[in-house]
C-alpha cells in the first residue's frame, strides 16, 4: 500500500470532481499531497488562499482527516478514528 498520493489544484480551484478524485486517492493511500498551482492563486494573498483551500478540503472530507500546509502544498492525512 502506497502511503503518499499526489494531486493538483488547478485554475478552477476545489470542485466537486476534485473532491471525488481526492476521496478515491484515499482508497490506496494514507496521505495525499495537494499541490496548489501558481495559476490557481492570485498574485497577492497566496498563503491565505492555500489556507482557505485546506479548510475547504477538510470541510468536504469530514472529521477523519487532518491537514498540514508546507509552502503551497497541503498534506492531507486520513485517520482511522475521528480527530477531536
PDB file of N, CA and C in Angstrom:
ATOM      1  N   UNK A   1       0.843  -1.185   0.000  1.00  0.00           N
ATOM      2  CA  UNK A   1       0.000   0.000   0.000  1.00  0.00           C
ATOM      3  C   UNK A   1       0.882   1.240   0.000  1.00  0.00           C
ATOM      4  N   UNK A   2       0.734   2.074  -1.028  1.00  0.00           N
ATOM      5  CA  UNK A   2       1.485   3.319  -1.064  1.00  0.00           C
ATOM      6  C   UNK A   2       0.979   4.240   0.027  1.00  0.00           C
ATOM      7  N   UNK A   3       1.879   5.060   0.529  1.00  0.00           N
ATOM      8  CA  UNK A   3       1.471   5.927   1.618  1.00  0.00           C
ATOM      9  C   UNK A   3       1.182   7.355   1.173  1.00  0.00           C
ATOM     10  N   UNK A   4       1.774   7.814   0.053  1.00  0.00           N
ATOM     11  CA  UNK A   4       1.580   9.200  -0.354  1.00  0.00           C
ATOM     12  C   UNK A   4       1.129   9.270  -1.804  1.00  0.00           C
ATOM     13  N   UNK A   5      -0.015   9.932  -2.034  1.00  0.00           N
ATOM     14  CA  UNK A   5      -0.511  10.195  -3.377  1.00  0.00           C
ATOM     15  C   UNK A   5      -0.333  11.669  -3.684  1.00  0.00           C
ATOM     16  N   UNK A   6      -0.453  12.041  -4.966  1.00  0.00           N
ATOM     17  CA  UNK A   6      -0.259  13.429  -5.366  1.00  0.00           C
ATOM     18  C   UNK A   6      -1.396  13.871  -6.267  1.00  0.00           C
ATOM     19  N   UNK A   7      -1.886  15.106  -6.037  1.00  0.00           N
ATOM     20  CA  UNK A   7      -2.949  15.687  -6.850  1.00  0.00           C
ATOM     21  C   UNK A   7      -2.728  17.199  -6.880  1.00  0.00           C
ATOM     22  N   UNK A   8      -3.225  17.865  -7.929  1.00  0.00           N
ATOM     23  CA  UNK A   8      -3.025  19.299  -8.083  1.00  0.00           C
ATOM     24  C   UNK A   8      -4.351  20.048  -8.101  1.00  0.00           C
ATOM     25  N   UNK A   9      -4.328  21.269  -7.557  1.00  0.00           N
ATOM     26  CA  UNK A   9      -5.466  22.174  -7.664  1.00  0.00           C
ATOM     27  C   UNK A   9      -5.164  23.098  -8.837  1.00  0.00           C
ATOM     28  N   UNK A  10      -6.047  23.130  -9.806  1.00  0.00           N
ATOM     29  CA  UNK A  10      -5.846  23.955 -10.991  1.00  0.00           C
ATOM     30  C   UNK A  10      -6.571  25.279 -10.905  1.00  0.00           C
ATOM     31  N   UNK A  11      -6.797  25.896 -12.061  1.00  0.00           N
ATOM     32  CA  UNK A  11      -7.416  27.213 -12.126  1.00  0.00           C
ATOM     33  C   UNK A  11      -8.842  27.232 -11.592  1.00  0.00           C
ATOM     34  N   UNK A  12      -9.553  26.120 -11.715  1.00  0.00           N
ATOM     35  CA  UNK A  12     -10.944  26.081 -11.267  1.00  0.00           C
ATOM     36  C   UNK A  12     -11.064  25.959  -9.754  1.00  0.00           C
ATOM     37  N   UNK A  13      -9.969  25.680  -9.082  1.00  0.00           N
ATOM     38  CA  UNK A  13      -9.988  25.562  -7.625  1.00  0.00           C
ATOM     39  C   UNK A  13     -10.558  24.222  -7.188  1.00  0.00           C
ATOM     40  N   UNK A  14     -11.239  24.217  -6.051  1.00  0.00           N
ATOM     41  CA  UNK A  14     -11.788  22.981  -5.496  1.00  0.00           C
ATOM     42  C   UNK A  14     -13.198  22.803  -6.043  1.00  0.00           C
ATOM     43  N   UNK A  15     -13.359  21.766  -6.844  1.00  0.00           N
ATOM     44  CA  UNK A  15     -14.653  21.469  -7.448  1.00  0.00           C
ATOM     45  C   UNK A  15     -15.172  20.144  -6.905  1.00  0.00           C
ATOM     46  N   UNK A  16     -16.378  19.811  -7.279  1.00  0.00           N
ATOM     47  CA  UNK A  16     -16.984  18.544  -6.868  1.00  0.00           C
ATOM     48  C   UNK A  16     -16.168  17.360  -7.390  1.00  0.00           C
ATOM     49  N   UNK A  17     -15.712  17.480  -8.626  1.00  0.00           N
ATOM     50  CA  UNK A  17     -14.914  16.424  -9.245  1.00  0.00           C
ATOM     51  C   UNK A  17     -13.569  16.264  -8.538  1.00  0.00           C
ATOM     52  N   UNK A  18     -12.967  17.376  -8.107  1.00  0.00           N
ATOM     53  CA  UNK A  18     -11.707  17.329  -7.371  1.00  0.00           C
ATOM     54  C   UNK A  18     -11.873  16.550  -6.071  1.00  0.00           C
ATOM     55  N   UNK A  19     -12.967  16.815  -5.349  1.00  0.00           N
ATOM     56  CA  UNK A  19     -13.221  16.124  -4.082  1.00  0.00           C
ATOM     57  C   UNK A  19     -13.431  14.629  -4.316  1.00  0.00           C
ATOM     58  N   UNK A  20     -14.158  14.253  -5.374  1.00  0.00           N
ATOM     59  CA  UNK A  20     -14.362  12.834  -5.687  1.00  0.00           C
ATOM     60  C   UNK A  20     -13.036  12.148  -5.973  1.00  0.00           C
ATOM     61  N   UNK A  21     -12.191  12.821  -6.741  1.00  0.00           N
ATOM     62  CA  UNK A  21     -10.879  12.265  -7.064  1.00  0.00           C
ATOM     63  C   UNK A  21     -10.036  12.116  -5.809  1.00  0.00           C
ATOM     64  N   UNK A  22     -10.075  13.118  -4.946  1.00  0.00           N
ATOM     65  CA  UNK A  22      -9.313  13.080  -3.700  1.00  0.00           C
ATOM     66  C   UNK A  22      -9.775  11.928  -2.810  1.00  0.00           C
ATOM     67  N   UNK A  23     -11.094  11.733  -2.711  1.00  0.00           N
ATOM     68  CA  UNK A  23     -11.619  10.618  -1.909  1.00  0.00           C
ATOM     69  C   UNK A  23     -11.176   9.272  -2.467  1.00  0.00           C
ATOM     70  N   UNK A  24     -11.123   9.157  -3.791  1.00  0.00           N
ATOM     71  CA  UNK A  24     -10.695   7.889  -4.398  1.00  0.00           C
ATOM     72  C   UNK A  24      -9.209   7.629  -4.142  1.00  0.00           C
ATOM     73  N   UNK A  25      -8.406   8.679  -4.004  1.00  0.00           N
ATOM     74  CA  UNK A  25      -6.992   8.504  -3.688  1.00  0.00           C
ATOM     75  C   UNK A  25      -6.815   7.854  -2.320  1.00  0.00           C
ATOM     76  N   UNK A  26      -7.717   8.162  -1.381  1.00  0.00           N
ATOM     77  CA  UNK A  26      -7.586   7.631  -0.028  1.00  0.00           C
ATOM     78  C   UNK A  26      -7.937   6.147   0.065  1.00  0.00           C
ATOM     79  N   UNK A  27      -8.423   5.538  -1.012  1.00  0.00           N
ATOM     80  CA  UNK A  27      -8.642   4.094  -1.019  1.00  0.00           C
ATOM     81  C   UNK A  27      -7.316   3.348  -1.078  1.00  0.00           C
ATOM     82  N   UNK A  28      -6.284   3.985  -1.674  1.00  0.00           N
ATOM     83  CA  UNK A  28      -4.985   3.338  -1.845  1.00  0.00           C
ATOM     84  C   UNK A  28      -3.847   4.023  -1.104  1.00  0.00           C
ATOM     85  N   UNK A  29      -4.093   5.206  -0.546  1.00  0.00           N
ATOM     86  CA  UNK A  29      -3.026   5.974   0.091  1.00  0.00           C
ATOM     87  C   UNK A  29      -3.461   6.453   1.472  1.00  0.00           C
ATOM     88  N   UNK A  30      -2.478   6.568   2.368  1.00  0.00           N
ATOM     89  CA  UNK A  30      -2.752   7.125   3.698  1.00  0.00           C
ATOM     90  C   UNK A  30      -2.698   8.646   3.671  1.00  0.00           C
ATOM     91  N   UNK A  31      -1.720   9.179   2.951  1.00  0.00           N
ATOM     92  CA  UNK A  31      -1.527  10.617   2.853  1.00  0.00           C
ATOM     93  C   UNK A  31      -1.617  11.039   1.396  1.00  0.00           C
ATOM     94  N   UNK A  32      -2.115  12.250   1.168  1.00  0.00           N
ATOM     95  CA  UNK A  32      -2.173  12.796  -0.188  1.00  0.00           C
ATOM     96  C   UNK A  32      -1.608  14.211  -0.151  1.00  0.00           C
ATOM     97  N   UNK A  33      -0.674  14.477  -1.064  1.00  0.00           N
ATOM     98  CA  UNK A  33      -0.132  15.823  -1.199  1.00  0.00           C
ATOM     99  C   UNK A  33      -0.936  16.558  -2.251  1.00  0.00           C
ATOM    100  N   UNK A  34      -1.474  17.705  -1.868  1.00  0.00           N
ATOM    101  CA  UNK A  34      -2.268  18.526  -2.773  1.00  0.00           C
ATOM    102  C   UNK A  34      -1.429  19.753  -3.110  1.00  0.00           C
ATOM    103  N   UNK A  35      -1.060  19.879  -4.376  1.00  0.00           N
ATOM    104  CA  UNK A  35      -0.245  21.000  -4.824  1.00  0.00           C
ATOM    105  C   UNK A  35      -1.142  22.081  -5.400  1.00  0.00           C
ATOM    106  N   UNK A  36      -0.987  23.307  -4.907  1.00  0.00           N
ATOM    107  CA  UNK A  36      -1.732  24.443  -5.445  1.00  0.00           C
ATOM    108  C   UNK A  36      -0.862  25.090  -6.522  1.00  0.00           C
ATOM    109  N   UNK A  37      -1.308  25.004  -7.770  1.00  0.00           N
ATOM    110  CA  UNK A  37      -0.557  25.601  -8.859  1.00  0.00           C
ATOM    111  C   UNK A  37      -0.602  27.119  -8.760  1.00  0.00           C
ATOM    112  N   UNK A  38       0.456  27.781  -9.199  1.00  0.00           N
ATOM    113  CA  UNK A  38       0.503  29.239  -9.126  1.00  0.00           C
ATOM    114  C   UNK A  38      -0.621  29.876  -9.926  1.00  0.00           C
ATOM    115  N   UNK A  39      -1.049  29.208 -10.998  1.00  0.00           N
ATOM    116  CA  UNK A  39      -2.134  29.755 -11.818  1.00  0.00           C
ATOM    117  C   UNK A  39      -3.471  29.744 -11.078  1.00  0.00           C
ATOM    118  N   UNK A  40      -3.579  28.925 -10.029  1.00  0.00           N
ATOM    119  CA  UNK A  40      -4.823  28.873  -9.257  1.00  0.00           C
ATOM    120  C   UNK A  40      -4.838  29.884  -8.121  1.00  0.00           C
ATOM    121  N   UNK A  41      -3.719  30.576  -7.921  1.00  0.00           N
ATOM    122  CA  UNK A  41      -3.600  31.504  -6.803  1.00  0.00           C
ATOM    123  C   UNK A  41      -3.482  32.939  -7.307  1.00  0.00           C
ATOM    124  N   UNK A  42      -4.120  33.897  -6.612  1.00  0.00           N
ATOM    125  CA  UNK A  42      -3.959  35.303  -7.004  1.00  0.00           C
ATOM    126  C   UNK A  42      -2.540  35.780  -6.682  1.00  0.00           C
ATOM    127  N   UNK A  43      -2.144  36.866  -7.298  1.00  0.00           N
ATOM    128  CA  UNK A  43      -0.789  37.393  -7.092  1.00  0.00           C
ATOM    129  C   UNK A  43      -0.550  37.754  -5.626  1.00  0.00           C
ATOM    130  N   UNK A  44      -1.540  38.392  -5.008  1.00  0.00           N
ATOM    131  CA  UNK A  44      -1.422  38.750  -3.594  1.00  0.00           C
ATOM    132  C   UNK A  44      -2.296  37.816  -2.762  1.00  0.00           C
ATOM    133  N   UNK A  45      -1.832  37.475  -1.604  1.00  0.00           N
ATOM    134  CA  UNK A  45      -2.615  36.631  -0.705  1.00  0.00           C
ATOM    135  C   UNK A  45      -2.562  35.154  -1.048  1.00  0.00           C
ATOM    136  N   UNK A  46      -1.439  34.698  -1.562  1.00  0.00           N
ATOM    137  CA  UNK A  46      -1.317  33.282  -1.943  1.00  0.00           C
ATOM    138  C   UNK A  46      -1.380  32.360  -0.734  1.00  0.00           C
ATOM    139  N   UNK A  47      -0.693  32.750   0.324  1.00  0.00           N
ATOM    140  CA  UNK A  47      -0.684  31.912   1.537  1.00  0.00           C
ATOM    141  C   UNK A  47      -2.086  31.779   2.119  1.00  0.00           C
ATOM    142  N   UNK A  48      -2.844  32.876   2.107  1.00  0.00           N
ATOM    143  CA  UNK A  48      -4.198  32.846   2.639  1.00  0.00           C
ATOM    144  C   UNK A  48      -5.091  31.953   1.786  1.00  0.00           C
ATOM    145  N   UNK A  49      -4.881  31.982   0.471  1.00  0.00           N
ATOM    146  CA  UNK A  49      -5.684  31.149  -0.434  1.00  0.00           C
ATOM    147  C   UNK A  49      -5.394  29.674  -0.205  1.00  0.00           C
ATOM    148  N   UNK A  50      -4.125  29.333   0.025  1.00  0.00           N
ATOM    149  CA  UNK A  50      -3.777  27.937   0.295  1.00  0.00           C
ATOM    150  C   UNK A  50      -4.433  27.489   1.599  1.00  0.00           C
ATOM    151  N   UNK A  51      -4.433  28.353   2.614  1.00  0.00           N
ATOM    152  CA  UNK A  51      -5.080  28.036   3.888  1.00  0.00           C
ATOM    153  C   UNK A  51      -6.584  27.835   3.690  1.00  0.00           C
ATOM    154  N   UNK A  52      -7.189  28.675   2.846  1.00  0.00           N
ATOM    155  CA  UNK A  52      -8.622  28.556   2.552  1.00  0.00           C
ATOM    156  C   UNK A  52      -8.910  27.234   1.834  1.00  0.00           C
ATOM    157  N   UNK A  53      -8.055  26.860   0.872  1.00  0.00           N
ATOM    158  CA  UNK A  53      -8.205  25.578   0.180  1.00  0.00           C
ATOM    159  C   UNK A  53      -8.147  24.418   1.179  1.00  0.00           C
ATOM    160  N   UNK A  54      -7.211  24.493   2.120  1.00  0.00           N
ATOM    161  CA  UNK A  54      -7.067  23.447   3.133  1.00  0.00           C
ATOM    162  C   UNK A  54      -8.340  23.309   3.969  1.00  0.00           C
ATOM    163  N   UNK A  55      -8.907  24.431   4.384  1.00  0.00           N
ATOM    164  CA  UNK A  55     -10.127  24.415   5.183  1.00  0.00           C
ATOM    165  C   UNK A  55     -11.298  23.852   4.384  1.00  0.00           C
ATOM    166  N   UNK A  56     -11.385  24.206   3.095  1.00  0.00           N
ATOM    167  CA  UNK A  56     -12.460  23.696   2.242  1.00  0.00           C
ATOM    168  C   UNK A  56     -12.349  22.180   2.064  1.00  0.00           C
ATOM    169  N   UNK A  57     -11.127  21.700   1.870  1.00  0.00           N
ATOM    170  CA  UNK A  57     -10.907  20.262   1.676  1.00  0.00           C
ATOM    171  C   UNK A  57     -11.331  19.508   2.927  1.00  0.00           C
ATOM    172  N   UNK A  58     -10.906  19.980   4.094  1.00  0.00           N
ATOM    173  CA  UNK A  58     -11.263  19.299   5.351  1.00  0.00           C
ATOM    174  C   UNK A  58     -12.762  19.349   5.611  1.00  0.00           C
ATOM    175  N   UNK A  59     -13.408  20.438   5.250  1.00  0.00           N
ATOM    176  CA  UNK A  59     -14.852  20.542   5.437  1.00  0.00           C
ATOM    177  C   UNK A  59     -15.588  19.531   4.559  1.00  0.00           C
ATOM    178  N   UNK A  60     -15.095  19.297   3.354  1.00  0.00           N
ATOM    179  CA  UNK A  60     -15.726  18.349   2.439  1.00  0.00           C
ATOM    180  C   UNK A  60     -15.448  16.889   2.827  1.00  0.00           C
ATOM    181  N   UNK A  61     -14.240  16.605   3.323  1.00  0.00           N
ATOM    182  CA  UNK A  61     -13.868  15.222   3.622  1.00  0.00           C
ATOM    183  C   UNK A  61     -14.451  14.719   4.937  1.00  0.00           C
ATOM    184  N   UNK A  62     -14.493  15.547   5.973  1.00  0.00           N
ATOM    185  CA  UNK A  62     -15.059  15.119   7.246  1.00  0.00           C
ATOM    186  C   UNK A  62     -14.044  15.136   8.379  1.00  0.00           C
ATOM    187  N   UNK A  63     -14.421  14.501   9.489  1.00  0.00           N
ATOM    188  CA  UNK A  63     -13.637  14.585  10.714  1.00  0.00           C
ATOM    189  C   UNK A  63     -12.473  13.599  10.790  1.00  0.00           C
ATOM    190  N   UNK A  64     -12.393  12.651   9.890  1.00  0.00           N
ATOM    191  CA  UNK A  64     -11.313  11.663   9.942  1.00  0.00           C
ATOM    192  C   UNK A  64     -10.040  12.141   9.266  1.00  0.00           C
ATOM    193  N   UNK A  65      -9.981  13.405   8.891  1.00  0.00           N
ATOM    194  CA  UNK A  65      -8.857  13.928   8.133  1.00  0.00           C
ATOM    195  C   UNK A  65      -8.253  15.142   8.816  1.00  0.00           C
ATOM    196  N   UNK A  66      -6.923  15.288   8.662  1.00  0.00           N
ATOM    197  CA  UNK A  66      -6.223  16.482   9.126  1.00  0.00           C
ATOM    198  C   UNK A  66      -5.338  16.966   7.990  1.00  0.00           C
ATOM    199  N   UNK A  67      -4.871  18.213   8.100  1.00  0.00           N
ATOM    200  CA  UNK A  67      -4.006  18.744   7.055  1.00  0.00           C
ATOM    201  C   UNK A  67      -2.857  19.529   7.656  1.00  0.00           C
ATOM    202  N   UNK A  68      -1.810  19.652   6.847  1.00  0.00           N
ATOM    203  CA  UNK A  68      -0.631  20.415   7.216  1.00  0.00           C
ATOM    204  C   UNK A  68      -0.207  21.174   5.971  1.00  0.00           C
ATOM    205  N   UNK A  69       0.107  22.454   6.114  1.00  0.00           N
ATOM    206  CA  UNK A  69       0.493  23.276   4.972  1.00  0.00           C
ATOM    207  C   UNK A  69       1.996  23.516   5.018  1.00  0.00           C
ATOM    208  N   UNK A  70       2.653  23.197   3.898  1.00  0.00           N
ATOM    209  CA  UNK A  70       4.081  23.469   3.736  1.00  0.00           C
ATOM    210  C   UNK A  70       4.233  24.209   2.410  1.00  0.00           C
ATOM    211  N   UNK A  71       4.506  25.495   2.478  1.00  0.00           N
ATOM    212  CA  UNK A  71       4.611  26.296   1.260  1.00  0.00           C
ATOM    213  C   UNK A  71       3.271  26.356   0.548  1.00  0.00           C
ATOM    214  N   UNK A  72       3.239  25.882  -0.711  1.00  0.00           N
ATOM    215  CA  UNK A  72       1.995  25.848  -1.478  1.00  0.00           C
ATOM    216  C   UNK A  72       1.468  24.424  -1.586  1.00  0.00           C
ATOM    217  N   UNK A  73       1.896  23.572  -0.663  1.00  0.00           N
ATOM    218  CA  UNK A  73       1.485  22.175  -0.641  1.00  0.00           C
ATOM    219  C   UNK A  73       0.666  21.903   0.616  1.00  0.00           C
ATOM    220  N   UNK A  74      -0.444  21.204   0.430  1.00  0.00           N
ATOM    221  CA  UNK A  74      -1.295  20.794   1.552  1.00  0.00           C
ATOM    222  C   UNK A  74      -1.164  19.277   1.676  1.00  0.00           C
ATOM    223  N   UNK A  75      -0.743  18.810   2.824  1.00  0.00           N
ATOM    224  CA  UNK A  75      -0.636  17.373   3.059  1.00  0.00           C
ATOM    225  C   UNK A  75      -1.854  16.955   3.875  1.00  0.00           C
ATOM    226  N   UNK A  76      -2.678  16.093   3.298  1.00  0.00           N
ATOM    227  CA  UNK A  76      -3.909  15.643   3.948  1.00  0.00           C
ATOM    228  C   UNK A  76      -3.699  14.208   4.410  1.00  0.00           C
ATOM    229  N   UNK A  77      -4.015  13.946   5.671  1.00  0.00           N
ATOM    230  CA  UNK A  77      -3.830  12.612   6.248  1.00  0.00           C
ATOM    231  C   UNK A  77      -5.168  12.059   6.712  1.00  0.00           C
ATOM    232  N   UNK A  78      -5.379  10.784   6.439  1.00  0.00           N
ATOM    233  CA  UNK A  78      -6.596  10.117   6.881  1.00  0.00           C
ATOM    234  C   UNK A  78      -6.298   9.317   8.140  1.00  0.00           C
ATOM    235  N   UNK A  79      -7.143   9.467   9.138  1.00  0.00           N
ATOM    236  CA  UNK A  79      -7.024   8.740  10.396  1.00  0.00           C
ATOM    237  C   UNK A  79      -8.106   7.672  10.456  1.00  0.00           C
ATOM    238  N   UNK A  80      -7.875   6.646  11.229  1.00  0.00           N
ATOM    239  CA  UNK A  80      -8.877   5.588  11.383  1.00  0.00           C
ATOM    240  C   UNK A  80     -10.052   6.062  12.216  1.00  0.00           C
ATOM    241  N   UNK A  81      -9.753   6.838  13.229  1.00  0.00           N
ATOM    242  CA  UNK A  81     -10.795   7.368  14.112  1.00  0.00           C
ATOM    243  C   UNK A  81     -10.986   8.847  13.842  1.00  0.00           C
ATOM    244  N   UNK A  82     -12.072   9.397  14.347  1.00  0.00           N
ATOM    245  CA  UNK A  82     -12.312  10.829  14.221  1.00  0.00           C
ATOM    246  C   UNK A  82     -11.281  11.591  15.020  1.00  0.00           C
ATOM    247  N   UNK A  83     -10.790  12.683  14.459  1.00  0.00           N
ATOM    248  CA  UNK A  83      -9.836  13.541  15.157  1.00  0.00           C
ATOM    249  C   UNK A  83     -10.631  14.552  15.958  1.00  0.00           C
ATOM    250  N   UNK A  84     -10.268  14.716  17.209  1.00  0.00           N
ATOM    251  CA  UNK A  84     -11.017  15.627  18.093  1.00  0.00           C
ATOM    252  C   UNK A  84     -10.546  17.023  17.976  1.00  0.00           C
TER     253      UNK A  84
END
